[in-house]
Amino acid sequence: IEVVVFGWGVTETFADITVGDRVLLTGAELGWRAGLPQLRISPRNSRIEVRSRDWQPIDELPDSIQ
């Protein structure tokens, strides 16, 4: 899934996200671009929360996501 954000919607939290981070996105808009799903982040309606850093597929899912 591609995640996009433009202009003043690029927050410090968004800029600090790296591969392997587990994030919770609330209020993102689901769209399609070139046949691929895309989450659009709006500074007015979306919230980004980093749940854990450097998550690995072998780790258990957090209780709040299960």
Protein backbone atom coordinates (compact mmCIF):
# COMPACT_ATOMS: atom_id res chain seq x y z
CA ILE A 1 0.00 0.00 0.00
CA GLU A 2 1.27 3.44 -0.91
CA VAL A 3 0.83 6.20 1.68
CA VAL A 4 0.83 9.78 0.40
CA VAL A 5 0.84 13.15 2.10
CA PHE A 6 1.47 16.57 0.59
CA GLY A 7 2.46 20.05 1.74
CA TRP A 8 1.86 21.04 5.32
CA GLY A 9 0.42 17.59 5.99
CA VAL A 10 3.98 16.24 6.27
CA THR A 11 4.43 16.22 10.04
CA GLU A 12 7.48 15.27 12.07
CA THR A 13 5.77 11.99 13.01
CA PHE A 14 5.21 11.12 9.34
CA ALA A 15 8.76 12.12 8.36
CA ASP A 16 10.25 9.90 11.09
CA ILE A 17 8.47 6.71 9.97
CA THR A 18 10.88 4.07 8.66
CA VAL A 19 10.57 0.60 7.19
CA GLY A 20 9.59 -1.84 9.92
CA ASP A 21 7.62 0.66 12.02
CA ARG A 22 4.08 -0.37 12.91
CA VAL A 23 1.76 2.61 12.57
CA LEU A 24 -1.90 3.29 13.21
CA LEU A 25 -3.57 5.58 10.66
CA THR A 26 -6.96 7.03 11.55
CA GLY A 27 -9.05 9.00 9.08
CA ALA A 28 -6.93 8.25 5.99
CA GLU A 29 -8.74 8.20 2.65
CA LEU A 30 -8.50 5.00 0.61
CA GLY A 31 -7.92 5.52 -3.09
CA TRP A 32 -6.37 3.85 -6.12
CA ARG A 33 -3.47 4.91 -8.34
CA ALA A 34 -2.29 2.85 -11.29
CA GLY A 35 -4.28 -0.11 -9.96
CA LEU A 36 -2.59 -0.06 -6.54
CA PRO A 37 -4.22 0.86 -3.21
CA GLN A 38 -3.25 4.21 -1.77
CA LEU A 39 -3.86 5.79 1.64
CA ARG A 40 -4.11 9.57 1.44
CA ILE A 41 -3.22 11.46 4.60
CA SER A 42 -5.12 14.70 5.19
CA PRO A 43 -3.77 17.13 7.81
CA ARG A 44 -7.35 18.01 8.78
CA ASN A 45 -8.85 14.53 9.08
CA SER A 46 -6.00 12.05 9.62
CA ARG A 47 -4.00 11.01 12.65
CA ILE A 48 -0.73 9.04 12.60
CA GLU A 49 0.46 7.13 15.64
CA VAL A 50 3.64 5.04 15.73
CA ARG A 51 2.77 1.90 17.74
CA SER A 52 6.18 0.24 17.72
CA ARG A 53 9.51 0.74 16.03
CA ASP A 54 11.39 -1.97 14.15
CA TRP A 55 8.48 -4.44 14.28
CA GLN A 56 9.31 -7.82 12.80
CA PRO A 57 6.83 -10.27 11.21
CA ILE A 58 7.69 -12.86 13.86
CA ASP A 59 6.56 -10.51 16.66
CA GLU A 60 3.05 -10.94 18.02
CA LEU A 61 0.42 -8.38 17.05
CA PRO A 62 -0.41 -5.78 19.72
CA ASP A 63 -3.69 -6.46 21.58
CA SER A 64 -5.25 -3.27 20.20
CA ILE A 65 -4.88 -4.55 16.61
CA GLN A 66 -6.02 -8.15 17.10
